[in-house]
Amino acid sequence: MVAYRRRRRSFPRRKVCRFCADSNVKIDYKDPKLLKYFITERGKIIPRRISGNCARHQREITTAIKRARHIALMPYTTIQPH
């Protein structure tokens, strides 16, 4: 008979939404420096469970990134050489 070990999953501490914590920080599509923290190096938008944003601010971030992409302040993707 094989003895199986049970692994306990440890849950990391819940991340706090930086926009809820600090009301001075505003989400603006004209600020690519702030928005670049919420996209990967490939250009994908980082999901809420990784970024730690609340649902409301994640929606605002997503809209701001899409607007910044539309007016060419941010790239849609990165150029990968072959």
C-alpha atoms as a PDB file:
ATOM      1  CA  MET A   1       0.000   0.000   0.000  1.00  0.00           C
ATOM      2  CA  VAL A   2       1.343   3.416  -0.971  1.00  0.00           C
ATOM      3  CA  ALA A   3       1.200   6.193   1.561  1.00  0.00           C
ATOM      4  CA  TYR A   4       0.068   9.490   0.095  1.00  0.00           C
ATOM      5  CA  ARG A   5       1.078  12.785   1.565  1.00  0.00           C
ATOM      6  CA  ARG A   6      -1.411  15.540   1.821  1.00  0.00           C
ATOM      7  CA  ARG A   7      -0.177  18.930   0.868  1.00  0.00           C
ATOM      8  CA  ARG A   8      -1.644  21.932   2.518  1.00  0.00           C
ATOM      9  CA  ARG A   9      -2.183  24.869   0.268  1.00  0.00           C
ATOM     10  CA  SER A  10      -1.102  28.140   1.740  1.00  0.00           C
ATOM     11  CA  PHE A  11      -2.996  31.169   0.549  1.00  0.00           C
ATOM     12  CA  PRO A  12      -0.986  34.354   0.160  1.00  0.00           C
ATOM     13  CA  ARG A  13      -2.269  37.543   1.698  1.00  0.00           C
ATOM     14  CA  ARG A  14      -4.970  39.309  -0.293  1.00  0.00           C
ATOM     15  CA  LYS A  15      -3.586  42.162  -2.380  1.00  0.00           C
ATOM     16  CA  VAL A  16      -4.998  45.614  -1.777  1.00  0.00           C
ATOM     17  CA  CYS A  17      -6.256  47.781  -4.614  1.00  0.00           C
ATOM     18  CA  ARG A  18      -3.814  50.670  -4.871  1.00  0.00           C
ATOM     19  CA  PHE A  19      -6.504  53.000  -6.215  1.00  0.00           C
ATOM     20  CA  CYS A  20      -8.852  52.337  -3.290  1.00  0.00           C
ATOM     21  CA  ALA A  21      -5.999  52.726  -0.796  1.00  0.00           C
ATOM     22  CA  ASP A  22      -4.729  56.024  -2.238  1.00  0.00           C
ATOM     23  CA  SER A  23      -7.437  58.329  -3.572  1.00  0.00           C
ATOM     24  CA  ASN A  24      -4.819  60.738  -5.009  1.00  0.00           C
ATOM     25  CA  VAL A  25      -3.876  58.279  -7.766  1.00  0.00           C
ATOM     26  CA  LYS A  26      -6.212  58.695 -10.744  1.00  0.00           C
ATOM     27  CA  ILE A  27      -6.611  56.358 -13.713  1.00  0.00           C
ATOM     28  CA  ASP A  28      -6.092  58.297 -16.928  1.00  0.00           C
ATOM     29  CA  TYR A  29      -5.546  56.988 -20.442  1.00  0.00           C
ATOM     30  CA  LYS A  30      -3.101  59.852 -21.081  1.00  0.00           C
ATOM     31  CA  ASP A  31      -0.702  58.468 -18.449  1.00  0.00           C
ATOM     32  CA  PRO A  32       1.108  55.495 -20.036  1.00  0.00           C
ATOM     33  CA  LYS A  33       3.656  55.409 -17.192  1.00  0.00           C
ATOM     34  CA  LEU A  34       0.964  54.303 -14.767  1.00  0.00           C
ATOM     35  CA  LEU A  35      -0.742  51.960 -17.225  1.00  0.00           C
ATOM     36  CA  LYS A  36       2.419  50.058 -18.147  1.00  0.00           C
ATOM     37  CA  TYR A  37       2.361  48.348 -14.736  1.00  0.00           C
ATOM     38  CA  PHE A  38      -0.857  46.622 -15.748  1.00  0.00           C
ATOM     39  CA  ILE A  39       0.311  45.065 -19.016  1.00  0.00           C
ATOM     40  CA  THR A  40       2.795  42.240 -19.586  1.00  0.00           C
ATOM     41  CA  GLU A  41       5.924  42.528 -21.703  1.00  0.00           C
ATOM     42  CA  ARG A  42       3.936  40.890 -24.516  1.00  0.00           C
ATOM     43  CA  GLY A  43       1.263  43.605 -24.290  1.00  0.00           C
ATOM     44  CA  LYS A  44      -1.507  41.653 -22.546  1.00  0.00           C
ATOM     45  CA  ILE A  45      -3.585  43.232 -19.792  1.00  0.00           C
ATOM     46  CA  ILE A  46      -2.772  41.711 -16.398  1.00  0.00           C
ATOM     47  CA  PRO A  47      -5.824  40.068 -14.769  1.00  0.00           C
ATOM     48  CA  ARG A  48      -7.373  41.299 -11.579  1.00  0.00           C
ATOM     49  CA  ARG A  49      -6.343  38.309  -9.465  1.00  0.00           C
ATOM     50  CA  ILE A  50      -2.677  39.058 -10.223  1.00  0.00           C
ATOM     51  CA  SER A  51      -2.723  42.866 -10.162  1.00  0.00           C
ATOM     52  CA  GLY A  52      -4.772  43.037  -6.956  1.00  0.00           C
ATOM     53  CA  ASN A  53      -7.183  45.667  -8.241  1.00  0.00           C
ATOM     54  CA  CYS A  54     -10.821  45.706  -7.211  1.00  0.00           C
ATOM     55  CA  ALA A  55     -13.397  45.004  -9.943  1.00  0.00           C
ATOM     56  CA  ARG A  56     -14.324  48.653 -10.444  1.00  0.00           C
ATOM     57  CA  HIS A  57     -10.759  49.877 -10.865  1.00  0.00           C
ATOM     58  CA  GLN A  58      -9.789  46.895 -13.035  1.00  0.00           C
ATOM     59  CA  ARG A  59     -12.566  47.865 -15.462  1.00  0.00           C
ATOM     60  CA  GLU A  60     -11.309  51.458 -15.475  1.00  0.00           C
ATOM     61  CA  ILE A  61      -7.721  50.291 -16.065  1.00  0.00           C
ATOM     62  CA  THR A  62      -8.818  48.078 -18.962  1.00  0.00           C
ATOM     63  CA  THR A  63     -10.771  50.902 -20.590  1.00  0.00           C
ATOM     64  CA  ALA A  64      -7.860  53.322 -20.131  1.00  0.00           C
ATOM     65  CA  ILE A  65      -5.375  50.875 -21.688  1.00  0.00           C
ATOM     66  CA  LYS A  66      -7.667  50.293 -24.667  1.00  0.00           C
ATOM     67  CA  ARG A  67      -8.089  54.047 -25.172  1.00  0.00           C
ATOM     68  CA  ALA A  68      -4.340  54.628 -24.920  1.00  0.00           C
ATOM     69  CA  ARG A  69      -3.757  51.891 -27.498  1.00  0.00           C
ATOM     70  CA  HIS A  70      -6.334  53.411 -29.829  1.00  0.00           C
ATOM     71  CA  ILE A  71      -4.598  56.794 -29.928  1.00  0.00           C
ATOM     72  CA  ALA A  72      -1.134  55.132 -30.100  1.00  0.00           C
ATOM     73  CA  LEU A  73       0.139  56.039 -26.635  1.00  0.00           C
ATOM     74  CA  MET A  74       0.644  52.338 -25.872  1.00  0.00           C
ATOM     75  CA  PRO A  75       1.419  49.378 -28.139  1.00  0.00           C
ATOM     76  CA  TYR A  76      -1.058  46.594 -28.847  1.00  0.00           C
ATOM     77  CA  THR A  77       1.773  44.062 -28.998  1.00  0.00           C
ATOM     78  CA  THR A  78       5.548  43.976 -28.960  1.00  0.00           C
ATOM     79  CA  ILE A  79       7.558  43.319 -32.079  1.00  0.00           C
ATOM     80  CA  GLN A  80       9.250  39.921 -31.839  1.00  0.00           C
ATOM     81  CA  PRO A  81      12.201  39.378 -34.200  1.00  0.00           C
ATOM     82  CA  HIS A  82      12.328  35.972 -35.900  1.00  0.00           C
END
